[in-house]
Amino acid sequence: MKTTSLAAALLIAGSTALMAQDAVLDANEDGQVTMEELVAVYPDVTAEAFSAADADASGTLDADEIAAAQEAGSIPTEM
């Protein structure tokens, strides 16, 4: 029971941090992050890194694409 509660707490804490980061990245709050929004927070992110993260080639990044790019190390995890 304690392990389950701890795991749930960690999952919630991690999700909350990711949601807070997404809110900062998504300046216009449309659920998508543009290259302009991304470089406003992470100025060193290149167009190539953005394109590589844009798995569906939509021209924007959603939360899953951002998380995958951060796991891959192409987008920073710290603001």
Protein backbone atom coordinates (compact mmCIF):
# COMPACT_ATOMS: atom_id res chain seq x y z
CA MET A 1 0.00 0.00 0.00
CA LYS A 2 2.79 2.44 0.89
CA THR A 3 4.61 1.63 -2.36
CA THR A 4 1.45 2.27 -4.39
CA SER A 5 0.82 5.56 -2.60
CA LEU A 6 4.41 6.67 -3.11
CA ALA A 7 4.33 5.73 -6.79
CA ALA A 8 1.07 7.63 -7.26
CA ALA A 9 2.48 10.70 -5.49
CA LEU A 10 5.59 10.68 -7.66
CA LEU A 11 3.52 10.28 -10.82
CA ILE A 12 1.29 13.20 -9.84
CA ALA A 13 4.29 15.37 -8.94
CA GLY A 14 5.98 14.60 -12.26
CA SER A 15 2.78 15.23 -14.20
CA THR A 16 2.23 18.53 -12.43
CA ALA A 17 5.77 19.66 -13.22
CA LEU A 18 5.34 18.69 -16.88
CA MET A 19 1.99 20.48 -17.07
CA ALA A 20 3.52 23.61 -15.53
CA GLN A 21 6.37 23.48 -18.03
CA ASP A 22 3.93 23.00 -20.91
CA ALA A 23 1.98 26.05 -19.73
CA VAL A 24 5.15 28.15 -19.83
CA LEU A 25 6.11 26.83 -23.26
CA ASP A 26 2.61 27.21 -24.72
CA ALA A 27 2.35 31.00 -24.43
CA ASN A 28 -0.97 31.27 -26.27
CA GLU A 29 -2.42 28.21 -24.48
CA ASP A 30 -3.62 26.50 -27.65
CA GLY A 31 -2.24 23.09 -26.68
CA GLN A 32 0.59 23.26 -29.20
CA VAL A 33 4.10 24.72 -28.95
CA THR A 34 5.50 26.55 -31.96
CA MET A 35 9.17 27.06 -32.74
CA GLU A 36 8.80 30.68 -31.63
CA GLU A 37 7.28 29.70 -28.29
CA LEU A 38 9.99 27.08 -27.74
CA VAL A 39 12.95 29.36 -28.47
CA ALA A 40 11.45 32.06 -26.25
CA VAL A 41 12.08 29.67 -23.34
CA TYR A 42 15.02 27.66 -24.75
CA PRO A 43 16.95 30.02 -27.07
CA ASP A 44 19.56 27.37 -27.93
CA VAL A 45 17.07 24.92 -29.49
CA THR A 46 17.74 24.68 -33.21
CA ALA A 47 15.26 24.38 -36.05
CA GLU A 48 16.69 20.92 -36.71
CA ALA A 49 15.98 19.82 -33.12
CA PHE A 50 12.45 21.21 -33.39
CA SER A 51 11.84 19.40 -36.69
CA ALA A 52 13.18 16.15 -35.26
CA ALA A 53 10.84 16.51 -32.27
CA ASP A 54 7.84 17.23 -34.53
CA ALA A 55 7.00 13.56 -35.08
CA ASP A 56 3.74 14.23 -36.92
CA ALA A 57 5.22 17.04 -39.07
CA SER A 58 2.44 19.41 -37.99
CA GLY A 59 4.75 22.36 -37.46
CA THR A 60 3.98 22.39 -33.74
CA LEU A 61 4.82 20.21 -30.75
CA ASP A 62 2.33 18.62 -28.42
CA ALA A 63 3.07 17.45 -24.87
CA ASP A 64 4.03 13.93 -26.02
CA GLU A 65 6.45 15.25 -28.65
CA ILE A 66 8.05 17.60 -26.11
CA ALA A 67 8.42 14.80 -23.57
CA ALA A 68 9.98 12.49 -26.18
CA ALA A 69 12.41 15.20 -27.32
CA GLN A 70 13.40 15.89 -23.73
CA GLU A 71 13.97 12.20 -23.09
CA ALA A 72 16.12 12.10 -26.23
CA GLY A 73 18.06 15.14 -25.02
CA SER A 74 17.25 17.40 -27.98
CA ILE A 75 15.18 19.81 -25.89
CA PRO A 76 16.31 20.82 -22.38
CA THR A 77 14.34 19.66 -19.37
CA GLU A 78 15.25 22.57 -17.11
CA MET A 79 14.02 26.11 -17.62
